[in-house]
């Protein structure tokens, strides 16, 4: 979908770092303000999920995003922006 181009990977990685610093660790995941994050064993692949959207960031800033509606994706992007700003 064309909507995927809305993801700012550098911003998402900053939010990932914030969640791992400030979030609550549960097993191999961290939870913070509606998002859950984790990484694969070598740290090259990062996962950020909300209740409705799953973002996977791969090596070299490639990514995939799964969502049902453009509205869900927009809410996810908005939350990333808020967590990057605050």
N, C-alpha and C. Protein backbone atom coordinates (compact mmCIF):
# COMPACT_ATOMS: atom_id res chain seq x y z
N UNK A 1 0.83 -1.20 0.00
CA UNK A 1 0.00 0.00 0.00
C UNK A 1 0.87 1.25 0.00
N UNK A 2 0.40 2.26 -0.63
CA UNK A 2 1.14 3.52 -0.71
C UNK A 2 1.34 4.16 0.66
N UNK A 3 0.43 3.89 1.56
CA UNK A 3 0.49 4.46 2.91
C UNK A 3 1.80 4.12 3.63
N UNK A 4 2.42 3.00 3.28
CA UNK A 4 3.62 2.56 3.98
C UNK A 4 4.72 3.60 3.95
N UNK A 5 4.72 4.45 2.96
CA UNK A 5 5.79 5.43 2.84
C UNK A 5 5.71 6.53 3.90
N UNK A 6 4.71 6.46 4.75
CA UNK A 6 4.59 7.43 5.83
C UNK A 6 5.54 7.14 6.99
N UNK A 7 6.10 5.96 7.06
CA UNK A 7 6.94 5.59 8.21
C UNK A 7 8.30 6.27 8.11
N UNK A 8 8.66 6.98 9.16
CA UNK A 8 9.98 7.59 9.29
C UNK A 8 10.82 6.62 10.12
N UNK A 9 11.69 5.87 9.46
CA UNK A 9 12.43 4.80 10.12
C UNK A 9 13.33 5.35 11.23
N UNK A 10 14.00 6.46 11.00
CA UNK A 10 14.87 7.02 12.04
C UNK A 10 14.07 7.42 13.26
N UNK A 11 12.90 8.00 13.03
CA UNK A 11 12.02 8.35 14.15
C UNK A 11 11.58 7.08 14.88
N UNK A 12 11.18 6.06 14.14
CA UNK A 12 10.74 4.81 14.76
C UNK A 12 11.85 4.19 15.60
N UNK A 13 13.09 4.27 15.13
CA UNK A 13 14.21 3.73 15.90
C UNK A 13 14.47 4.55 17.17
N UNK A 14 14.27 5.86 17.09
CA UNK A 14 14.40 6.68 18.30
C UNK A 14 13.33 6.29 19.32
N UNK A 15 12.11 6.06 18.83
CA UNK A 15 11.02 5.64 19.72
C UNK A 15 11.33 4.26 20.30
N UNK A 16 11.85 3.35 19.49
CA UNK A 16 12.26 2.03 19.99
C UNK A 16 13.24 2.19 21.15
N UNK A 17 14.25 3.04 20.96
CA UNK A 17 15.24 3.25 22.02
C UNK A 17 14.60 3.82 23.28
N UNK A 18 13.66 4.75 23.10
CA UNK A 18 12.98 5.32 24.27
C UNK A 18 12.18 4.25 25.01
N UNK A 19 11.48 3.42 24.26
CA UNK A 19 10.67 2.37 24.89
C UNK A 19 11.56 1.40 25.65
N UNK A 20 12.73 1.06 25.11
CA UNK A 20 13.61 0.13 25.82
C UNK A 20 14.25 0.79 27.04
N UNK A 21 14.34 2.11 27.04
CA UNK A 21 14.87 2.84 28.22
C UNK A 21 13.81 3.04 29.29
N UNK A 22 12.61 3.46 28.86
CA UNK A 22 11.59 3.90 29.81
C UNK A 22 10.46 2.90 30.01
N UNK A 23 10.37 1.92 29.14
CA UNK A 23 9.26 0.98 29.21
C UNK A 23 9.45 -0.10 30.25
N UNK A 24 8.43 -0.92 30.39
CA UNK A 24 8.46 -2.03 31.33
C UNK A 24 8.86 -3.30 30.58
N UNK A 25 9.90 -3.96 31.06
CA UNK A 25 10.38 -5.17 30.39
C UNK A 25 9.53 -6.35 30.82
N UNK A 26 9.08 -7.12 29.82
CA UNK A 26 8.31 -8.33 30.06
C UNK A 26 8.89 -9.42 29.17
N UNK A 27 9.68 -10.30 29.74
CA UNK A 27 10.34 -11.32 28.95
C UNK A 27 11.36 -10.66 28.02
N UNK A 28 11.22 -10.90 26.72
CA UNK A 28 12.14 -10.28 25.76
C UNK A 28 11.52 -9.07 25.06
N UNK A 29 10.45 -8.52 25.66
CA UNK A 29 9.77 -7.36 25.09
C UNK A 29 9.72 -6.23 26.10
N UNK A 30 9.47 -5.03 25.59
CA UNK A 30 9.25 -3.85 26.43
C UNK A 30 7.90 -3.27 26.06
N UNK A 31 7.17 -2.76 27.04
CA UNK A 31 5.87 -2.13 26.81
C UNK A 31 5.93 -0.69 27.31
N UNK A 32 5.36 0.20 26.51
CA UNK A 32 5.35 1.61 26.90
C UNK A 32 4.27 2.35 26.11
N UNK A 33 3.35 2.95 26.81
CA UNK A 33 2.32 3.83 26.24
C UNK A 33 1.63 3.25 25.00
N UNK A 34 1.23 2.00 25.10
CA UNK A 34 0.45 1.39 24.02
C UNK A 34 1.27 0.68 22.96
N UNK A 35 2.59 0.71 23.08
CA UNK A 35 3.43 0.03 22.11
C UNK A 35 4.23 -1.07 22.79
N UNK A 36 4.51 -2.10 22.03
CA UNK A 36 5.36 -3.20 22.47
C UNK A 36 6.52 -3.30 21.49
N UNK A 37 7.73 -3.45 22.01
CA UNK A 37 8.91 -3.56 21.15
C UNK A 37 9.71 -4.80 21.51
N UNK A 38 10.44 -5.26 20.51
CA UNK A 38 11.40 -6.34 20.73
C UNK A 38 12.39 -6.29 19.56
N UNK A 39 13.43 -7.11 19.67
CA UNK A 39 14.42 -7.20 18.60
C UNK A 39 14.80 -8.67 18.45
N UNK A 40 15.32 -9.01 17.26
CA UNK A 40 15.76 -10.38 17.09
C UNK A 40 17.08 -10.59 17.84
N UNK A 41 17.60 -11.80 17.78
CA UNK A 41 18.75 -12.16 18.62
C UNK A 41 19.99 -11.32 18.36
N UNK A 42 20.19 -10.84 17.13
CA UNK A 42 21.40 -10.07 16.84
C UNK A 42 21.16 -8.56 16.83
N UNK A 43 19.91 -8.14 17.06
CA UNK A 43 19.60 -6.73 17.13
C UNK A 43 19.45 -6.04 15.79
N UNK A 44 19.57 -6.77 14.70
CA UNK A 44 19.47 -6.14 13.37
C UNK A 44 18.03 -5.97 12.91
N UNK A 45 17.11 -6.69 13.52
CA UNK A 45 15.70 -6.54 13.17
C UNK A 45 14.95 -6.10 14.42
N UNK A 46 14.15 -5.04 14.27
CA UNK A 46 13.43 -4.43 15.38
C UNK A 46 11.94 -4.50 15.09
N UNK A 47 11.17 -4.79 16.12
CA UNK A 47 9.72 -4.90 16.00
C UNK A 47 9.06 -3.86 16.91
N UNK A 48 8.11 -3.11 16.36
CA UNK A 48 7.31 -2.17 17.15
C UNK A 48 5.85 -2.46 16.81
N UNK A 49 5.06 -2.74 17.84
CA UNK A 49 3.67 -3.12 17.60
C UNK A 49 2.73 -2.31 18.48
N UNK A 50 1.59 -1.98 17.90
CA UNK A 50 0.47 -1.47 18.68
C UNK A 50 -0.60 -2.55 18.63
N UNK A 51 -1.78 -2.25 19.12
CA UNK A 51 -2.87 -3.23 19.07
C UNK A 51 -3.27 -3.55 17.62
N UNK A 52 -3.05 -2.60 16.69
CA UNK A 52 -3.56 -2.77 15.33
C UNK A 52 -2.50 -2.72 14.24
N UNK A 53 -1.26 -2.37 14.58
CA UNK A 53 -0.22 -2.21 13.57
C UNK A 53 1.05 -2.91 14.04
N UNK A 54 1.73 -3.57 13.09
CA UNK A 54 3.01 -4.21 13.38
C UNK A 54 4.05 -3.69 12.39
N UNK A 55 5.07 -3.04 12.93
CA UNK A 55 6.16 -2.49 12.13
C UNK A 55 7.41 -3.34 12.37
N UNK A 56 8.04 -3.78 11.29
CA UNK A 56 9.30 -4.50 11.38
C UNK A 56 10.34 -3.70 10.63
N UNK A 57 11.45 -3.38 11.31
CA UNK A 57 12.53 -2.62 10.69
C UNK A 57 13.73 -3.56 10.54
N UNK A 58 14.19 -3.68 9.31
CA UNK A 58 15.29 -4.58 8.99
C UNK A 58 16.59 -3.79 8.86
N UNK A 59 17.66 -4.51 8.64
CA UNK A 59 18.98 -3.93 8.39
C UNK A 59 18.88 -2.94 7.22
N UNK A 60 19.68 -1.90 7.23
CA UNK A 60 19.71 -0.86 6.20
C UNK A 60 18.39 -0.10 6.08
N UNK A 61 17.65 0.01 7.18
CA UNK A 61 16.42 0.80 7.25
C UNK A 61 15.32 0.36 6.29
N UNK A 62 15.37 -0.87 5.85
CA UNK A 62 14.23 -1.43 5.12
C UNK A 62 13.18 -1.78 6.16
N UNK A 63 11.91 -1.77 5.76
CA UNK A 63 10.88 -2.09 6.74
C UNK A 63 9.65 -2.66 6.07
N UNK A 64 8.83 -3.29 6.87
CA UNK A 64 7.50 -3.70 6.44
C UNK A 64 6.53 -3.31 7.55
N UNK A 65 5.31 -3.05 7.14
CA UNK A 65 4.29 -2.66 8.12
C UNK A 65 3.00 -3.39 7.77
N UNK A 66 2.37 -3.95 8.80
CA UNK A 66 1.11 -4.66 8.61
C UNK A 66 0.02 -3.90 9.35
N UNK A 67 -1.08 -3.68 8.65
CA UNK A 67 -2.22 -2.96 9.24
C UNK A 67 -3.45 -3.25 8.43
N UNK A 68 -4.61 -3.02 9.04
CA UNK A 68 -5.89 -3.30 8.37
C UNK A 68 -6.46 -2.10 7.65
N UNK A 69 -6.26 -0.91 8.23
CA UNK A 69 -6.86 0.27 7.62
C UNK A 69 -5.88 1.44 7.66
N UNK A 70 -6.08 2.37 6.76
CA UNK A 70 -5.24 3.57 6.72
C UNK A 70 -5.36 4.35 8.03
N UNK A 71 -6.53 4.31 8.64
CA UNK A 71 -6.73 5.01 9.92
C UNK A 71 -5.86 4.40 11.02
N UNK A 72 -5.81 3.06 11.06
CA UNK A 72 -4.95 2.39 12.05
C UNK A 72 -3.50 2.80 11.85
N UNK A 73 -3.05 2.83 10.61
CA UNK A 73 -1.68 3.21 10.33
C UNK A 73 -1.42 4.66 10.74
N UNK A 74 -2.37 5.55 10.46
CA UNK A 74 -2.19 6.96 10.81
C UNK A 74 -2.11 7.13 12.33
N UNK A 75 -2.94 6.41 13.08
CA UNK A 75 -2.88 6.48 14.54
C UNK A 75 -1.52 6.01 15.05
N UNK A 76 -0.97 4.98 14.43
CA UNK A 76 0.34 4.45 14.80
C UNK A 76 1.42 5.49 14.51
N UNK A 77 1.39 6.09 13.33
CA UNK A 77 2.35 7.13 12.96
C UNK A 77 2.25 8.31 13.91
N UNK A 78 1.04 8.71 14.25
CA UNK A 78 0.83 9.81 15.19
C UNK A 78 1.44 9.48 16.56
N UNK A 79 1.25 8.25 17.02
CA UNK A 79 1.82 7.85 18.32
C UNK A 79 3.34 7.87 18.27
N UNK A 80 3.93 7.42 17.17
CA UNK A 80 5.39 7.50 17.04
C UNK A 80 5.86 8.95 17.13
N UNK A 81 5.13 9.85 16.46
CA UNK A 81 5.52 11.27 16.50
C UNK A 81 5.43 11.84 17.90
N UNK A 82 4.36 11.49 18.62
CA UNK A 82 4.18 11.98 19.99
C UNK A 82 5.31 11.48 20.89
N UNK A 83 5.63 10.18 20.80
CA UNK A 83 6.67 9.62 21.65
C UNK A 83 8.05 10.14 21.27
N UNK A 84 8.24 10.52 20.03
CA UNK A 84 9.52 11.09 19.60
C UNK A 84 9.66 12.51 20.11
N UNK A 85 8.54 13.23 20.22
CA UNK A 85 8.57 14.65 20.65
C UNK A 85 8.67 14.81 22.16
N UNK A 86 7.86 14.05 22.89
CA UNK A 86 7.74 14.23 24.35
C UNK A 86 9.06 14.04 25.06
